[in-house]
Structures are given as structure tokens and as C-alpha cells.
Protein backbone atom coordinates (compact mmCIF):
# COMPACT_ATOMS: atom_id res chain seq x y z
CA MET A 1 10.59 -46.12 37.77
CA VAL A 2 11.81 -46.80 34.30
CA VAL A 3 11.44 -44.21 31.58
CA LEU A 4 11.95 -45.22 28.01
CA VAL A 5 12.92 -42.29 25.85
CA ASP A 6 13.72 -42.19 22.19
CA VAL A 7 16.54 -39.65 22.25
CA LYS A 8 16.86 -39.51 18.49
CA ASN A 9 13.20 -38.46 18.05
CA CYS A 10 13.45 -35.95 20.93
CA VAL A 11 16.47 -34.28 19.33
CA ALA A 12 14.64 -34.16 15.99
CA GLU A 13 11.58 -32.55 17.63
CA VAL A 14 13.75 -30.00 19.42
CA GLY A 15 15.39 -29.17 16.08
CA LYS A 16 11.97 -28.67 14.46
CA ILE A 17 10.84 -26.43 17.31
CA ARG A 18 14.07 -24.42 17.04
CA GLU A 19 13.54 -23.92 13.29
CA GLU A 20 9.95 -22.82 13.88
CA LEU A 21 11.12 -20.32 16.50
CA ILE A 22 13.72 -18.96 14.09
CA GLY A 23 10.99 -18.55 11.47
CA ILE A 24 8.74 -16.77 13.97
CA LYS A 25 11.63 -14.49 14.95
CA ARG A 26 12.22 -13.59 11.28
CA ASP A 27 8.50 -12.87 10.84
CA ILE A 28 8.54 -10.54 13.85
CA GLU A 29 11.63 -8.75 12.55
CA SER A 30 10.08 -8.33 9.10
CA LEU A 31 6.91 -6.94 10.66
CA ALA A 32 8.97 -4.47 12.67
CA ASN A 33 10.90 -3.46 9.54
CA GLY A 34 7.64 -3.15 7.61
CA LYS A 35 6.24 -0.91 10.31
CA ASP A 36 9.34 1.31 10.10
CA ASP A 37 9.07 1.40 6.30
CA GLN A 38 5.40 2.31 6.52
CA LYS A 39 6.18 5.17 8.95
CA LYS A 40 8.96 6.46 6.67
CA GLU A 41 6.60 6.34 3.68
CA LYS A 42 3.92 8.24 5.60
CA ASP A 43 6.46 10.87 6.69
CA GLU A 44 7.67 11.23 3.09
CA THR A 45 4.11 11.62 1.81
CA THR A 46 3.38 14.26 4.45
CA ARG A 47 6.60 16.10 3.61
CA ARG A 48 5.79 16.09 -0.10
CA PHE A 49 2.26 17.32 0.54
CA TRP A 50 3.41 20.24 2.65
CA SER A 51 6.24 21.09 0.28
CA PHE A 52 3.77 21.39 -2.60
CA GLY A 53 0.56 22.55 -0.97
CA PRO A 54 0.80 25.82 0.95
CA LYS A 55 2.94 27.66 -1.60
CA HIS A 56 0.35 27.07 -4.32
CA TRP A 57 -2.87 27.55 -2.32
CA PRO A 58 -3.15 31.35 -1.98
CA PRO A 59 -3.93 32.21 -5.63
CA PRO A 60 -6.77 29.69 -6.07
CA LEU A 61 -8.04 30.41 -2.57
CA SER A 62 -8.08 34.17 -3.05
CA THR A 63 -9.70 33.74 -6.46
CA SER A 64 -12.40 31.52 -4.96
CA VAL A 65 -13.07 33.93 -2.10
CA GLY A 66 -13.16 36.87 -4.50
CA GLY A 67 -15.58 35.04 -6.76
CA ILE A 68 -17.88 34.18 -3.87
CA ARG A 69 -17.80 37.80 -2.69
CA ARG A 70 -18.66 38.99 -6.19
CA ILE A 71 -21.49 36.48 -6.68
CA TYR A 72 -23.15 37.19 -3.34
CA GLY A 73 -22.33 40.88 -3.27
CA PHE A 74 -20.28 40.87 -0.09
CA GLN A 75 -18.38 44.03 0.44
CA VAL A 76 -15.44 44.33 2.73
CA HIS A 77 -14.92 47.73 4.26
CA SER A 78 -11.90 48.99 6.02
CA PRO A 79 -12.65 49.97 9.62
CA LEU A 80 -11.47 53.51 8.87
CA THR A 81 -13.82 54.04 5.92
CA ALA A 82 -16.84 52.22 7.35
CA PHE A 83 -18.02 55.31 9.21
CA ASP A 84 -18.08 58.89 8.05
CA GLY A 85 -17.09 60.07 11.47
CA LYS A 86 -20.61 61.19 12.34
């Protein structure tokens, strides 16, 4: 059996395949880095939200609750003053 092979073309094809694999490897690495960057950005956003939010929520929240109580006439009684003891 005689096999005729063009070695020069085979080496060129192997080189092309190797370059494509290197490009694919770089794409995978950039996707992995992008995923890490996205996670860091999400963590930073969450951190900023919680550093701003809870400290500044009580005044508007209490004002809103107080306004709703006033509009609808809700009264809050202490358990000790709710009954006259009778």
C-alpha cells in the first residue's frame, strides 16, 4: 500500500489548527475573566446598596407609617394602657 502525503500542506494545516485552538483558549480565558469581573461588579453594587440603604430608611419609613396611621385613624395602644384593669 502506497500512501502519498503532502507533508508541507499537513504541517500548514496543523499550524492553522493550533492557532485556532490558541484563539479558542484565549476566548475561554476572557469569558472566565469576564465572569469574575461581573461577579465583582455585582458584589460591589450590593455592598454600595447596603452601605447606603438601611441607615437612611428609618426616617422616611416611620414618616410613611405615621402618615398612614393618621390618614386611616389607626391608633396604637400600649398593652398596659389598653385595659382599665376592669
